[in-house]
Amino acid sequence: MTYYLYILRTLNNSLYVGISGDIEKRIDRHKAGDGAEFTKRNKVEKLVYKEEFNTYLEVRRREKQIKGWTRLKKEQLILYRHPLSSHRP
């Protein structure tokens, strides 16, 4: 199974880091207000970053790592490593 780490940008320009085995369904749930508490309070604008992993352990380790980063470091990852969309700091 493939697991995904993803970063969503909200309408108020916050970043949300999450993981899922089915990224499309999970993002749809976030957008519908049926995701995490954070995305219920902060409407999701778009997916801005994703990575694929082969094991759940790998994706959880990466999620923990990125969640520990500063916002600036997350923005740099989005912009320079894997830009899925335009940068909006």
Protein backbone atom coordinates (compact mmCIF):
# COMPACT_ATOMS: atom_id res chain seq x y z
CA MET A 1 0.00 0.00 0.00
CA THR A 2 1.12 3.56 -0.67
CA TYR A 3 0.88 6.20 2.05
CA TYR A 4 0.98 9.93 1.52
CA LEU A 5 2.21 12.82 3.57
CA TYR A 6 0.50 16.01 2.46
CA ILE A 7 0.40 19.69 3.26
CA LEU A 8 -2.75 21.73 2.76
CA ARG A 9 -2.99 25.50 2.68
CA THR A 10 -6.10 27.01 4.25
CA LEU A 11 -7.94 30.16 3.21
CA ASN A 12 -6.38 32.04 6.13
CA ASN A 13 -2.94 30.88 4.86
CA SER A 14 -2.32 28.33 7.62
CA LEU A 15 -0.62 25.04 6.78
CA TYR A 16 -1.96 21.63 7.77
CA VAL A 17 0.26 18.52 7.66
CA GLY A 18 -1.42 15.13 7.45
CA ILE A 19 -1.08 11.55 6.21
CA SER A 20 -3.40 9.18 4.40
CA GLY A 21 -3.55 6.01 2.36
CA ASP A 22 -6.09 7.63 0.00
CA ILE A 23 -5.10 11.24 -0.42
CA GLU A 24 -7.96 12.25 -2.75
CA LYS A 25 -10.66 10.99 -0.38
CA ARG A 26 -8.93 12.48 2.64
CA ILE A 27 -8.64 15.92 1.07
CA ASP A 28 -12.28 15.77 -0.01
CA ARG A 29 -13.20 15.01 3.61
CA HIS A 30 -11.13 17.96 4.83
CA LYS A 31 -12.83 20.26 2.32
CA ALA A 32 -16.26 18.97 3.37
CA GLY A 33 -15.48 19.78 7.02
CA ASP A 34 -15.31 16.10 7.93
CA GLY A 35 -11.57 15.94 8.47
CA ALA A 36 -9.44 17.03 11.40
CA GLU A 37 -10.62 19.62 13.92
CA PHE A 38 -8.08 22.09 12.51
CA THR A 39 -9.51 21.89 8.99
CA LYS A 40 -13.05 22.15 10.33
CA ARG A 41 -12.12 25.55 11.79
CA ASN A 42 -9.84 26.61 8.91
CA LYS A 43 -11.31 26.05 5.46
CA VAL A 44 -8.95 24.23 3.08
CA GLU A 45 -7.90 26.10 -0.04
CA LYS A 46 -5.64 23.58 -1.76
CA LEU A 47 -3.05 20.82 -1.65
CA VAL A 48 0.42 22.38 -1.86
CA TYR A 49 2.75 19.45 -1.19
CA LYS A 50 2.81 15.65 -1.07
CA GLU A 51 5.26 12.76 -0.68
CA GLU A 52 4.72 9.01 -1.16
CA PHE A 53 5.88 6.25 1.19
CA ASN A 54 5.76 2.47 1.10
CA THR A 55 5.14 1.91 4.81
CA TYR A 56 3.03 3.52 7.50
CA LEU A 57 6.05 3.74 9.79
CA GLU A 58 7.97 5.81 7.22
CA VAL A 59 5.12 8.25 6.63
CA ARG A 60 4.50 8.71 10.38
CA ARG A 61 8.18 9.48 10.96
CA ARG A 62 8.16 12.06 8.18
CA GLU A 63 4.94 13.62 9.46
CA LYS A 64 6.41 14.00 12.94
CA GLN A 65 9.56 15.52 11.48
CA ILE A 66 7.73 18.11 9.36
CA LYS A 67 5.24 18.98 12.10
CA GLY A 68 8.26 19.91 14.25
CA TRP A 69 9.54 22.38 11.70
CA THR A 70 9.00 26.12 11.66
CA ARG A 71 6.52 27.60 9.24
CA LEU A 72 9.41 29.09 7.24
CA LYS A 73 11.00 25.69 6.77
CA LYS A 74 7.66 24.19 5.65
CA GLU A 75 7.19 27.03 3.16
CA GLN A 76 10.70 26.43 1.80
CA LEU A 77 9.91 22.73 1.36
CA ILE A 78 6.74 23.60 -0.54
CA LEU A 79 8.42 26.19 -2.73
CA TYR A 80 11.77 24.60 -3.50
CA ARG A 81 11.41 20.87 -3.23
CA HIS A 82 8.06 20.06 -4.73
CA PRO A 83 5.98 23.05 -5.79
CA LEU A 84 2.46 21.85 -6.65
CA SER A 85 1.14 25.38 -6.71
CA SER A 86 2.22 28.94 -6.37
CA HIS A 87 3.85 30.06 -3.17
CA ARG A 88 1.75 32.26 -0.90
CA PRO A 89 3.61 33.08 2.34
